[in-house]
């Protein structure tokens, strides 16, 4: 992404002398947006490195715990061989960064390499306090901080664990999903840990990985969970008015035709409503739809996050 942004900056600088006042103002706004995106990504990656380093140094490393993924491989090798962990983090992740270069582009590989090297340097140089020696707390909170760190780094457009890169590559080559590949990858790691270390260590590693994955999902999907709602009803206009004026939500209207119903086949034209609400509003939306049309066909699906529209603005008002 960064090469494209840099080219935009150079192009805007070349045209600034001959452009109109409107064009110069537009170029200034573009430059500000580019710099804002670069700064935002840098902050996310820096936070990710800090949280992941705290999870490793404050919980996992002092107590000889391991995790899943490429980080888990590095921890396992360090535990068995006694080699330097910061160096292992760079070496073990290197093949995955090369793979990411071919799969996701130069900018992604560059940022990921910087993030991994930054994490390695942080672990090697900055001493974090040892928080606890309780095994359950280590597994839960060590995994939590590591997952938060990985999540922030992903939000910044990079990775500090190459497992996802391998998973995406294998899904493009075969019929497995990303989740299947990551699960199989970690089953191998935990099995090796059980053989080389102990079954108890492997079980705690599973708990650490589970906590890290949930923390990662929390960071990537956001604090709020949204539900996409599709409503098919012959009283669609009343439902649309209710969503706009009662719930104060935006709607999108699709033009469709009924295909098959209780009375058999049909091709009646019908308006299909789509809207997005928070999980706290799902129950109220269902109740309002039931009042208008108890026979309405409603389909709900979870969505990870939303951008723009009325949903974010309304949520912001509710918080104040």
Protein backbone atom coordinates (compact mmCIF):
# COMPACT_ATOMS: atom_id res chain seq x y z
CA UNK A 1 0.00 0.00 0.00
CA UNK A 2 2.77 2.46 0.91
CA UNK A 3 4.41 2.56 -2.58
CA UNK A 4 1.05 3.56 -4.06
CA UNK A 5 0.61 6.26 -1.43
CA UNK A 6 4.13 7.59 -1.98
CA UNK A 7 3.54 7.75 -5.74
CA UNK A 8 0.36 9.72 -5.08
CA UNK A 9 2.35 12.19 -2.99
CA UNK A 10 5.00 12.62 -5.69
CA UNK A 11 2.37 13.06 -8.38
CA UNK A 12 0.52 15.67 -6.37
CA UNK A 13 3.77 17.57 -5.79
CA UNK A 14 4.57 17.62 -9.54
CA UNK A 15 1.13 18.93 -10.45
CA UNK A 16 0.80 21.43 -7.62
CA UNK A 17 2.54 24.23 -9.54
CA UNK A 18 0.34 24.05 -12.64
CA UNK A 19 -2.92 22.93 -11.06
CA UNK A 20 -5.90 25.11 -10.28
CA UNK A 21 -6.73 26.25 -6.78
CA UNK A 22 -9.29 23.45 -6.48
CA UNK A 23 -6.78 20.85 -7.62
CA UNK A 24 -4.12 22.15 -5.21
CA UNK A 25 -6.59 21.96 -2.33
CA UNK A 26 -7.52 18.43 -3.38
CA UNK A 27 -3.84 17.45 -3.45
CA UNK A 28 -3.34 18.85 0.04
CA UNK A 29 -6.28 16.78 1.33
CA UNK A 30 -4.88 13.68 -0.38
CA UNK A 31 -1.47 14.20 1.21
CA UNK A 32 -3.04 14.63 4.62
CA UNK A 33 -5.07 11.47 4.15
CA UNK A 34 -1.96 9.53 3.08
CA UNK A 35 0.03 10.74 6.07
CA UNK A 36 -2.90 10.01 8.37
CA UNK A 37 -3.12 6.41 7.09
CA UNK A 38 0.62 5.90 7.47
CA UNK A 39 0.53 7.28 11.01
CA UNK A 40 -2.48 5.15 11.94
CA UNK A 41 -0.84 1.96 10.65
CA UNK A 42 2.39 2.79 12.48
CA UNK A 43 0.51 3.31 15.76
CA UNK A 44 -1.37 0.01 15.38
CA UNK A 45 1.82 -1.91 14.61
CA UNK A 46 3.67 -0.26 17.53
CA UNK A 47 0.82 -1.14 19.92
CA UNK A 48 0.81 -4.69 18.57
CA UNK A 49 4.53 -5.11 19.19
CA UNK A 50 4.20 -3.69 22.70
CA UNK A 51 1.27 -5.92 23.72
CA UNK A 52 2.80 -9.05 22.18
CA UNK A 53 6.14 -8.35 23.83
CA UNK A 54 4.43 -7.91 27.20
CA UNK A 55 2.57 -11.20 26.77
CA UNK A 56 5.79 -13.03 25.94
CA UNK A 57 8.11 -11.42 28.50
CA UNK A 58 5.64 -10.91 31.32
CA UNK A 59 3.90 -14.29 31.17
CA UNK A 60 5.01 -16.98 28.72
CA UNK A 61 8.82 -16.89 28.54
CA UNK A 62 9.67 -16.77 32.27
CA UNK A 63 7.40 -19.76 32.90
CA UNK A 64 8.43 -21.89 29.89
CA UNK A 65 5.00 -21.70 28.23
CA UNK A 66 4.37 -21.98 24.51
CA UNK A 67 1.64 -20.86 22.13
CA UNK A 68 0.33 -21.93 18.75
CA UNK A 69 1.33 -20.69 15.32
CA UNK A 70 4.79 -19.62 14.22
CA UNK A 71 5.33 -17.92 17.58
CA UNK A 72 4.63 -21.28 19.22
CA UNK A 73 7.23 -22.96 16.99
CA UNK A 74 9.80 -20.35 18.03
CA UNK A 75 8.95 -20.80 21.71
CA UNK A 76 9.13 -24.59 21.39
CA UNK A 77 12.52 -24.53 19.65
CA UNK A 78 13.84 -22.06 22.23
CA UNK A 79 12.58 -24.27 25.07
CA UNK A 80 14.09 -27.49 23.65
CA UNK A 81 17.39 -26.14 22.30
CA UNK A 82 18.03 -23.10 24.47
CA UNK A 83 18.56 -20.87 21.42
CA UNK A 84 17.90 -17.14 21.52
CA UNK A 85 14.15 -16.47 21.11
CA UNK A 86 14.40 -13.04 19.40
CA UNK A 87 16.65 -14.56 16.75
CA UNK A 88 14.28 -17.51 16.32
CA UNK A 89 11.31 -15.17 15.87
CA UNK A 90 13.03 -13.62 12.87
CA UNK A 91 14.40 -16.86 11.38
CA UNK A 92 11.22 -18.94 11.71
CA UNK A 93 9.04 -16.16 10.33
CA UNK A 94 11.37 -15.37 7.41
CA UNK A 95 10.00 -18.07 5.01
CA UNK A 96 6.45 -16.91 5.71
CA UNK A 97 7.38 -13.30 4.98
CA UNK A 98 8.83 -14.40 1.64
CA UNK A 99 5.60 -16.27 0.96
CA UNK A 100 3.64 -13.16 1.90
CA UNK A 101 5.68 -11.13 -0.57
CA UNK A 102 4.43 -13.28 -3.44
CA UNK A 103 0.91 -13.73 -2.11
CA UNK A 104 0.06 -10.26 -0.74
CA UNK A 105 2.57 -7.84 -2.15
CA UNK A 106 5.72 -5.93 -1.39
CA UNK A 107 4.19 -3.43 1.05
CA UNK A 108 2.67 -6.14 3.23
CA UNK A 109 5.93 -8.11 3.36
CA UNK A 110 7.94 -4.98 4.18
CA UNK A 111 5.66 -3.92 7.04
CA UNK A 112 5.50 -7.46 8.41
CA UNK A 113 9.29 -7.78 8.35
CA UNK A 114 9.60 -4.51 10.26
CA UNK A 115 6.96 -5.64 12.79
CA UNK A 116 8.66 -9.00 13.42
CA UNK A 117 12.09 -7.39 13.75
CA UNK A 118 10.57 -4.81 16.09
CA UNK A 119 9.08 -7.54 18.27
CA UNK A 120 12.39 -9.42 18.33
CA UNK A 121 14.27 -6.27 19.36
CA UNK A 122 11.69 -5.48 22.05
CA UNK A 123 11.96 -8.97 23.54
CA UNK A 124 15.77 -8.82 23.42
CA UNK A 125 16.23 -5.32 24.84
CA UNK A 126 13.29 -4.23 26.98
CA UNK A 127 12.87 -6.11 30.28
CA UNK A 128 9.22 -6.60 31.28
CA UNK A 129 8.32 -7.50 34.87
CA UNK A 130 7.25 -11.07 35.57
CA UNK A 131 3.58 -10.76 36.46
CA UNK A 132 2.72 -14.18 37.92
CA UNK A 133 3.78 -17.80 38.21
CA UNK A 134 0.25 -19.19 38.40
CA UNK A 135 -0.13 -21.51 35.40
CA UNK A 136 -3.79 -20.74 34.74
CA UNK A 137 -3.21 -16.97 34.86
CA UNK A 138 -0.18 -17.34 32.60
CA UNK A 139 -2.15 -19.29 29.99
CA UNK A 140 -5.12 -16.92 30.04
CA UNK A 141 -3.46 -13.52 30.28
CA UNK A 142 -0.35 -14.44 28.34
CA UNK A 143 -2.56 -15.58 25.48
CA UNK A 144 -4.76 -12.50 25.85
CA UNK A 145 -1.93 -9.97 25.52
CA UNK A 146 -0.34 -11.95 22.69
CA UNK A 147 -3.65 -12.09 20.82
CA UNK A 148 -4.26 -8.38 21.33
CA UNK A 149 -0.78 -7.68 19.98
CA UNK A 150 -1.36 -9.80 16.88
CA UNK A 151 -4.74 -8.14 16.36
CA UNK A 152 -3.37 -4.60 16.50
CA UNK A 153 -0.58 -5.55 14.10
CA UNK A 154 -3.09 -6.99 11.61
CA UNK A 155 -5.11 -3.77 11.87
CA UNK A 156 -1.93 -1.96 10.92
CA UNK A 157 -1.62 -4.05 7.75
CA UNK A 158 1.11 -6.45 8.92
CA UNK A 159 1.60 -9.68 10.87
CA UNK A 160 3.95 -10.80 13.62
CA UNK A 161 2.97 -14.45 13.16
CA UNK A 162 3.19 -16.04 9.72
CA UNK A 163 0.55 -18.74 10.28
CA UNK A 164 -2.18 -16.79 8.51
CA UNK A 165 0.03 -16.28 5.45
CA UNK A 166 0.58 -20.03 5.14
CA UNK A 167 -3.13 -20.69 5.67
CA UNK A 168 -4.15 -18.27 2.90
CA UNK A 169 -1.59 -19.79 0.54
CA UNK A 170 -2.78 -23.36 1.17
CA UNK A 171 -6.46 -22.43 0.80
CA UNK A 172 -5.70 -21.04 -2.66
CA UNK A 173 -3.98 -24.28 -3.59
CA UNK A 174 -6.55 -26.66 -2.11
CA UNK A 175 -10.12 -26.88 -0.85
CA UNK A 176 -9.48 -26.30 2.85
CA UNK A 177 -10.58 -23.19 4.70
CA UNK A 178 -8.22 -20.86 6.56
CA UNK A 179 -9.58 -22.14 9.87
CA UNK A 180 -8.95 -25.77 8.88
CA UNK A 181 -5.34 -25.03 7.94
CA UNK A 182 -4.60 -23.10 11.15
CA UNK A 183 -6.25 -25.80 13.25
CA UNK A 184 -4.24 -28.56 11.60
CA UNK A 185 -1.04 -26.51 11.89
CA UNK A 186 -1.57 -26.06 15.64
CA UNK A 187 -2.54 -29.69 16.23
CA UNK A 188 0.91 -30.64 14.92
CA UNK A 189 2.61 -28.07 17.17
CA UNK A 190 0.74 -29.17 20.29
CA UNK A 191 1.39 -32.84 19.53
CA UNK A 192 5.12 -32.19 19.23
CA UNK A 193 5.02 -30.15 22.45
CA UNK A 194 3.29 -33.03 24.25
CA UNK A 195 5.98 -35.44 23.02
CA UNK A 196 9.04 -33.24 23.67
CA UNK A 197 7.90 -31.47 26.83
CA UNK A 198 4.81 -32.86 28.56
CA UNK A 199 1.12 -33.36 28.03
CA UNK A 200 0.40 -30.75 30.71
CA UNK A 201 2.49 -28.17 28.86
CA UNK A 202 0.64 -28.97 25.63
CA UNK A 203 -2.73 -28.58 27.34
CA UNK A 204 -1.78 -25.19 28.76
CA UNK A 205 -0.50 -24.22 25.30
CA UNK A 206 -3.93 -25.04 23.87
CA UNK A 207 -5.54 -22.79 26.47
CA UNK A 208 -3.07 -20.02 25.65
CA UNK A 209 -3.81 -20.35 21.95
CA UNK A 210 -7.59 -20.38 22.52
CA UNK A 211 -7.37 -17.18 24.60
CA UNK A 212 -5.11 -15.52 22.04
CA UNK A 213 -7.48 -16.37 19.17
CA UNK A 214 -10.46 -14.91 21.05
CA UNK A 215 -8.53 -11.74 21.87
CA UNK A 216 -7.48 -11.49 18.21
CA UNK A 217 -11.11 -11.78 17.08
CA UNK A 218 -12.12 -9.12 19.60
CA UNK A 219 -9.56 -6.64 18.24
CA UNK A 220 -10.31 -7.34 14.57
CA UNK A 221 -14.10 -7.43 14.83
CA UNK A 222 -14.41 -4.50 17.21
CA UNK A 223 -16.17 -4.01 20.50
CA UNK A 224 -19.63 -4.03 18.99
CA UNK A 225 -21.05 -6.93 17.04
CA UNK A 226 -23.33 -6.10 14.15
CA UNK A 227 -26.08 -8.08 12.53
CA UNK A 228 -27.11 -7.74 8.92
CA UNK A 229 -30.90 -8.14 8.56
CA UNK A 230 -32.72 -8.92 5.30
CA UNK A 231 -36.50 -8.56 5.37
CA UNK A 232 -38.83 -9.86 2.65
CA UNK A 233 -42.38 -8.72 3.16
CA UNK A 234 -45.37 -7.44 1.15
CA UNK A 235 -45.55 -4.60 3.68
CA UNK A 236 -41.96 -3.55 3.06
CA UNK A 237 -42.76 0.18 2.92
CA UNK A 238 -44.16 0.14 6.47
CA UNK A 239 -41.14 -1.80 7.68
CA UNK A 240 -38.82 0.65 5.93
CA UNK A 241 -40.54 3.60 7.62
CA UNK A 242 -40.28 1.85 11.00
CA UNK A 243 -36.54 1.21 10.61
CA UNK A 244 -35.86 4.80 9.53
CA UNK A 245 -38.08 6.69 11.99
CA UNK A 246 -38.34 4.34 15.00
CA UNK A 247 -34.92 2.70 15.05
CA UNK A 248 -33.22 5.59 13.23
CA UNK A 249 -31.25 3.25 11.00
CA UNK A 250 -30.36 3.42 7.34
CA UNK A 251 -31.80 0.90 4.91
CA UNK A 252 -31.06 -0.38 1.43
CA UNK A 253 -33.89 -1.48 -0.86
CA UNK A 254 -33.45 -4.27 -3.41
CA UNK A 255 -35.98 -4.93 -6.15
CA UNK A 256 -36.83 -8.62 -6.31
CA UNK A 257 -39.45 -11.18 -7.25
CA UNK A 258 -41.02 -13.89 -5.15
CA UNK A 259 -40.10 -17.34 -6.37
CA UNK A 260 -42.05 -19.85 -4.31
CA UNK A 261 -44.35 -19.49 -1.32
CA UNK A 262 -47.21 -21.14 0.50
CA UNK A 263 -49.45 -20.68 -2.51
CA UNK A 264 -46.96 -22.20 -4.94
CA UNK A 265 -44.84 -20.56 -7.58
CA UNK A 266 -45.12 -16.87 -8.26
CA UNK A 267 -43.28 -13.95 -9.79
CA UNK A 268 -44.71 -11.08 -7.80
CA UNK A 269 -42.40 -8.08 -7.61
CA UNK A 270 -41.38 -7.22 -4.07
CA UNK A 271 -39.02 -4.79 -2.30
CA UNK A 272 -36.32 -6.47 -0.20
CA UNK A 273 -35.02 -4.48 2.76
CA UNK A 274 -31.49 -4.73 4.13
CA UNK A 275 -30.21 -2.98 7.25
CA UNK A 276 -27.47 -3.36 9.86
CA UNK A 277 -28.11 -3.11 13.60
CA UNK A 278 -26.18 -3.77 16.77
CA UNK A 279 -26.86 -6.96 18.67
CA UNK A 280 -28.69 -4.95 21.34
CA UNK A 281 -31.24 -3.81 18.77
CA UNK A 282 -31.99 -7.18 17.17
CA UNK A 283 -34.76 -8.07 19.63
CA UNK A 284 -36.51 -4.73 19.22
CA UNK A 285 -36.30 -4.95 15.43
CA UNK A 286 -37.90 -8.41 15.48
CA UNK A 287 -40.69 -7.19 17.72
CA UNK A 288 -41.43 -4.20 15.48
CA UNK A 289 -41.45 -6.40 12.35
CA UNK A 290 -43.84 -8.88 14.03
CA UNK A 291 -46.26 -6.05 14.76
CA UNK A 292 -46.26 -4.90 11.12
CA UNK A 293 -46.10 -8.28 9.35
CA UNK A 294 -45.97 -11.52 11.38
CA UNK A 295 -45.45 -13.47 8.13
CA UNK A 296 -42.38 -11.49 7.04
CA UNK A 297 -39.37 -13.59 6.06
CA UNK A 298 -36.35 -12.35 8.05
CA UNK A 299 -32.76 -13.48 7.52
CA UNK A 300 -30.02 -12.44 9.94
CA UNK A 301 -26.28 -12.82 9.57
CA UNK A 302 -23.38 -11.63 11.70
CA UNK A 303 -21.05 -9.05 10.22
CA UNK A 304 -17.64 -8.22 11.63
CA UNK A 305 -17.72 -4.46 11.38
CA UNK A 306 -19.29 -1.58 9.51
CA UNK A 307 -17.98 1.67 8.10
CA UNK A 308 -19.91 4.81 7.28
CA UNK A 309 -23.65 5.09 7.03
CA UNK A 310 -25.89 5.80 10.00
CA UNK A 311 -24.94 2.97 12.35
CA UNK A 312 -21.66 4.41 13.62
CA UNK A 313 -23.09 7.91 13.99
CA UNK A 314 -26.04 6.64 15.98
CA UNK A 315 -23.85 4.51 18.24
CA UNK A 316 -21.67 7.55 18.92
CA UNK A 317 -24.70 9.59 19.96
CA UNK A 318 -25.88 6.86 22.29
CA UNK A 319 -22.51 6.86 24.07
CA UNK A 320 -22.89 10.57 24.81
